[in-house]
Amino acid sequence: MLRLDQTRIDNGGFFLDADLTVETGAKIAVIGPSGAGKSTLLGAIAGFHPVIQGRITWDGQDITHAPPGQRPVAMLFQDGNLFPHLSVAQNVGLGIRPDLRLTETQQAQVREALSRVGLRTMGDRKPAALSGGQQNRAALARVLVQNRPLLLLDEPFAALGPALKSEMLDLVAALATETKATLLMVSHDPADARRIAGQVILVAEGRAEPPAATGELLDNPPAVLRDYLG
């Protein structure tokens, strides 16, 4: 279980407050107006933004000031962060060891991850030889090999067309269910939330609200969300 206990997050002078709990295995969309602090929330959970008040815990363990690499978190960003000079398999292997000195067992983990995202035969290719959707799959495979229980997605599929984005959302949801990971996904599109998220965290007016049922919140949005959705 993820708990943000009366936290105040500082992102370069922008402050976001949160007092909420996310149940283990939940799939949650993080939505709200542009600039409201959705990425700030995920960044604090991942350890990229300091918490100046309160604390963050995972399964009762205080991770408030833990370095990013020591947190139970894998994060997928919008640009995927694939290195163009490395093969797809090497990019995925970075999720296990930054120096890429992988054992045979770890190399097998990379192959398995590529297979699970539909890139079984593409490990030797460079990212430039992949389509946009395939690059997203490679970035997702790198997240998988990290084997972390908390998966954070910061709009990684925003640049994809509707059909391909839906395909990637379904894949993420299926993999999260398979691995029993807890999923938090930033999105500007309420359809994304309805597709895979049972709950929504609304971020607005300097605060991240506790998770609410997706259908209930989107069907009867508060004024700040209604103004955003139009």
Protein backbone atom coordinates (compact mmCIF):
# COMPACT_ATOMS: atom_id res chain seq x y z
CA MET A 1 0.00 0.00 0.00
CA LEU A 2 1.23 3.49 -0.92
CA ARG A 3 0.57 6.24 1.58
CA LEU A 4 1.19 9.97 1.26
CA ASP A 5 0.69 11.16 4.81
CA GLN A 6 -0.05 14.91 4.95
CA THR A 7 2.73 15.57 2.46
CA ARG A 8 3.80 18.82 0.90
CA ILE A 9 5.91 18.47 -2.24
CA ASP A 10 8.25 21.18 -3.50
CA ASN A 11 8.91 21.27 -7.24
CA GLY A 12 11.14 24.31 -7.64
CA GLY A 13 8.83 26.57 -5.64
CA PHE A 14 5.61 24.97 -6.86
CA PHE A 15 3.94 23.24 -3.91
CA LEU A 16 1.54 20.33 -4.00
CA ASP A 17 -0.26 18.87 -0.98
CA ALA A 18 -1.44 15.28 -0.76
CA ASP A 19 -2.97 13.14 1.97
CA LEU A 20 -4.06 9.88 0.36
CA THR A 21 -3.75 6.11 0.22
CA VAL A 22 -3.41 3.85 -2.82
CA GLU A 23 -4.25 0.19 -2.25
CA THR A 24 -1.81 -2.44 -3.46
CA GLY A 25 -2.65 -3.64 -6.97
CA ALA A 26 -4.89 -0.66 -7.77
CA LYS A 27 -4.91 0.92 -11.23
CA ILE A 28 -5.29 4.66 -10.84
CA ALA A 29 -5.41 7.53 -13.33
CA VAL A 30 -4.03 10.91 -12.28
CA ILE A 31 -5.92 13.70 -14.02
CA GLY A 32 -6.39 17.44 -13.73
CA PRO A 33 -5.72 20.74 -15.49
CA SER A 34 -2.41 21.37 -17.22
CA GLY A 35 0.21 22.60 -14.77
CA ALA A 36 -1.78 21.45 -11.75
CA GLY A 37 0.96 19.11 -10.51
CA LYS A 38 0.21 15.65 -11.88
CA SER A 39 3.82 15.00 -12.87
CA THR A 40 4.96 16.58 -9.61
CA LEU A 41 2.97 13.97 -7.69
CA LEU A 42 4.57 11.08 -9.57
CA GLY A 43 7.99 12.71 -9.35
CA ALA A 44 7.75 12.91 -5.57
CA ILE A 45 6.73 9.26 -5.28
CA ALA A 46 9.70 8.34 -7.49
CA GLY A 47 12.08 10.49 -5.44
CA PHE A 48 12.74 13.28 -7.93
CA HIS A 49 11.05 16.08 -5.94
CA PRO A 50 11.57 16.68 -2.21
CA VAL A 51 8.84 16.24 0.38
CA ILE A 52 9.14 19.14 2.83
CA GLN A 53 6.29 18.08 5.08
CA GLY A 54 4.77 14.71 6.00
CA ARG A 55 6.02 11.40 4.66
CA ILE A 56 5.61 8.79 1.93
CA THR A 57 5.43 5.11 2.86
CA TRP A 58 5.21 1.87 0.89
CA ASP A 59 3.88 -1.15 2.79
CA GLY A 60 4.65 0.71 6.00
CA GLN A 61 8.25 1.50 5.09
CA ASP A 62 9.19 5.18 5.09
CA ILE A 63 10.65 6.08 1.67
CA THR A 64 10.28 9.86 2.00
CA HIS A 65 13.98 10.59 1.63
CA ALA A 66 15.16 7.39 -0.07
CA PRO A 67 17.15 7.88 -3.31
CA PRO A 68 15.16 7.08 -6.48
CA GLY A 69 17.11 3.88 -7.13
CA GLN A 70 16.24 2.51 -3.70
CA ARG A 71 12.49 2.97 -4.06
CA PRO A 72 10.04 0.23 -5.13
CA VAL A 73 9.27 2.29 -8.23
CA ALA A 74 9.65 1.91 -11.99
CA MET A 75 8.72 4.96 -14.05
CA LEU A 76 7.86 5.33 -17.73
CA PHE A 77 8.19 8.83 -19.16
CA GLN A 78 6.56 10.39 -22.21
CA ASP A 79 9.66 10.21 -24.42
CA GLY A 80 10.62 6.66 -23.46
CA ASN A 81 14.28 7.63 -22.92
CA LEU A 82 15.70 5.09 -25.37
CA PHE A 83 19.37 5.55 -26.26
CA PRO A 84 19.74 5.65 -30.06
CA HIS A 85 23.25 4.14 -30.14
CA LEU A 86 22.19 1.03 -28.18
CA SER A 87 20.19 -1.92 -29.45
CA VAL A 88 16.67 -2.50 -28.21
CA ALA A 89 17.90 -5.37 -26.02
CA GLN A 90 20.64 -3.18 -24.55
CA ASN A 91 18.14 -0.42 -23.82
CA VAL A 92 16.00 -2.93 -21.96
CA GLY A 93 19.05 -4.33 -20.17
CA LEU A 94 19.75 -0.90 -18.68
CA GLY A 95 16.78 -1.54 -16.42
CA ILE A 96 18.76 -4.34 -14.79
CA ARG A 97 22.34 -3.01 -14.85
CA PRO A 98 23.46 0.42 -16.08
CA ASP A 99 26.83 -1.06 -17.09
CA LEU A 100 25.07 -3.76 -19.18
CA ARG A 101 27.27 -6.52 -17.73
CA LEU A 102 24.41 -8.97 -17.67
CA THR A 103 24.58 -12.57 -16.61
CA GLU A 104 23.01 -15.25 -18.78
CA THR A 105 20.02 -15.25 -16.43
CA GLN A 106 19.64 -11.50 -16.79
CA GLN A 107 19.93 -11.73 -20.56
CA ALA A 108 17.13 -14.27 -20.46
CA GLN A 109 15.08 -11.75 -18.45
CA VAL A 110 15.57 -9.21 -21.23
CA ARG A 111 14.46 -11.68 -23.88
CA GLU A 112 11.41 -12.63 -21.83
CA ALA A 113 10.44 -8.98 -21.35
CA LEU A 114 10.77 -8.29 -25.07
CA SER A 115 8.62 -11.30 -25.82
CA ARG A 116 5.93 -10.15 -23.39
CA VAL A 117 5.63 -6.78 -25.13
CA GLY A 118 5.62 -8.29 -28.61
CA LEU A 119 9.22 -7.50 -29.62
CA ARG A 120 10.71 -10.99 -29.39
CA THR A 121 12.58 -10.76 -32.72
CA MET A 122 13.60 -7.11 -32.50
CA GLY A 123 16.22 -7.08 -29.75
CA ASP A 124 19.12 -6.48 -32.15
CA ARG A 125 17.54 -3.46 -33.82
CA LYS A 126 18.29 0.17 -32.96
CA PRO A 127 15.40 2.33 -31.71
CA ALA A 128 15.35 4.29 -34.98
CA ALA A 129 14.35 1.10 -36.79
CA LEU A 130 11.21 0.78 -34.69
CA SER A 131 7.85 2.47 -35.08
CA GLY A 132 6.62 4.83 -32.39
CA GLY A 133 4.47 2.13 -30.87
CA GLN A 134 7.34 -0.36 -30.90
CA GLN A 135 9.58 2.16 -29.15
CA ASN A 136 6.95 2.51 -26.45
CA ARG A 137 6.89 -1.26 -26.10
CA ALA A 138 10.67 -1.33 -25.71
CA ALA A 139 10.50 1.32 -22.98
CA LEU A 140 7.80 -0.73 -21.27
CA ALA A 141 10.00 -3.84 -21.45
CA ARG A 142 12.74 -1.93 -19.62
CA VAL A 143 10.24 -1.14 -16.88
CA LEU A 144 9.25 -4.80 -16.67
CA VAL A 145 12.78 -6.09 -16.06
CA GLN A 146 13.09 -3.76 -13.07
CA ASN A 147 10.44 -5.90 -11.38
CA ARG A 148 9.22 -3.11 -9.09
CA PRO A 149 5.82 -3.29 -7.37
CA LEU A 150 4.91 0.34 -8.11
CA LEU A 151 4.59 1.42 -11.75
CA LEU A 152 4.34 5.12 -12.59
CA LEU A 153 3.40 6.30 -16.10
CA ASP A 154 3.79 9.97 -16.97
CA GLU A 155 1.78 10.21 -20.22
CA PRO A 156 4.05 7.82 -22.15
CA PHE A 157 1.50 7.29 -24.92
CA ALA A 158 0.33 10.87 -25.45
CA ALA A 159 1.96 11.15 -28.87
CA LEU A 160 0.35 7.97 -30.24
CA GLY A 161 -2.78 7.82 -32.36
CA PRO A 162 -6.03 6.72 -30.71
CA ALA A 163 -5.96 3.09 -31.81
CA LEU A 164 -2.30 2.53 -30.91
CA LYS A 165 -2.72 4.35 -27.59
CA SER A 166 -5.65 2.10 -26.70
CA GLU A 167 -3.54 -0.94 -27.58
CA MET A 168 -0.71 0.23 -25.32
CA LEU A 169 -3.08 1.05 -22.47
CA ASP A 170 -4.55 -2.44 -22.67
CA LEU A 171 -1.06 -3.93 -22.68
CA VAL A 172 -0.02 -1.93 -19.61
CA ALA A 173 -3.19 -2.91 -17.78
CA ALA A 174 -2.68 -6.58 -18.61
CA LEU A 175 0.96 -6.54 -17.52
CA ALA A 176 0.12 -4.71 -14.28
CA THR A 177 -2.51 -7.34 -13.52
CA GLU A 178 -0.10 -10.16 -14.37
CA THR A 179 2.68 -8.79 -12.17
CA LYS A 180 0.29 -7.53 -9.46
CA ALA A 181 1.89 -4.09 -9.75
CA THR A 182 0.23 -0.95 -8.42
CA LEU A 183 -0.27 1.45 -11.34
CA LEU A 184 -0.49 5.26 -11.32
CA MET A 185 -0.90 6.83 -14.75
CA VAL A 186 -0.97 10.53 -15.61
CA SER A 187 -3.34 11.34 -18.45
CA HIS A 188 -5.10 14.35 -19.96
CA ASP A 189 -7.72 12.10 -21.55
CA PRO A 190 -10.62 10.90 -19.35
CA ALA A 191 -11.18 8.07 -21.84
CA ASP A 192 -7.83 6.62 -20.74
CA ALA A 193 -9.04 6.56 -17.16
CA ARG A 194 -12.31 4.91 -18.09
CA ARG A 195 -10.45 2.30 -20.13
CA ILE A 196 -8.07 0.90 -17.52
CA ALA A 197 -8.34 2.72 -14.19
CA GLY A 198 -10.76 1.78 -11.47
CA GLN A 199 -10.01 4.97 -9.57
CA VAL A 200 -8.89 8.52 -10.27
CA ILE A 201 -6.72 10.95 -8.31
CA LEU A 202 -7.77 14.52 -9.15
CA VAL A 203 -4.92 17.03 -8.99
CA ALA A 204 -6.08 20.65 -8.94
CA GLU A 205 -5.63 23.89 -7.03
CA GLY A 206 -2.44 22.75 -5.34
CA ARG A 207 -3.78 19.48 -4.02
CA ALA A 208 -3.91 15.81 -5.00
CA GLU A 209 -7.22 14.40 -3.79
CA PRO A 210 -7.67 10.84 -2.48
CA PRO A 211 -8.63 8.23 -5.09
CA ALA A 212 -12.27 8.24 -6.17
CA ALA A 213 -14.21 5.77 -8.32
CA THR A 214 -13.56 6.60 -11.97
CA GLY A 215 -17.13 6.52 -13.25
CA GLU A 216 -18.51 8.43 -10.28
CA LEU A 217 -15.93 11.22 -10.53
CA LEU A 218 -16.08 11.63 -14.31
CA ASP A 219 -19.87 11.39 -14.49
CA ASN A 220 -20.31 13.95 -11.69
CA PRO A 221 -17.13 16.04 -11.78
CA PRO A 222 -16.48 18.87 -9.33
CA ALA A 223 -16.42 22.37 -10.80
CA VAL A 224 -12.64 22.49 -11.31
CA LEU A 225 -12.67 19.22 -13.23
CA ARG A 226 -15.80 20.15 -15.17
CA ASP A 227 -14.14 23.39 -16.31
CA TYR A 228 -11.09 21.42 -17.43
CA LEU A 229 -13.06 18.72 -19.27
CA GLY A 230 -15.35 21.29 -20.91
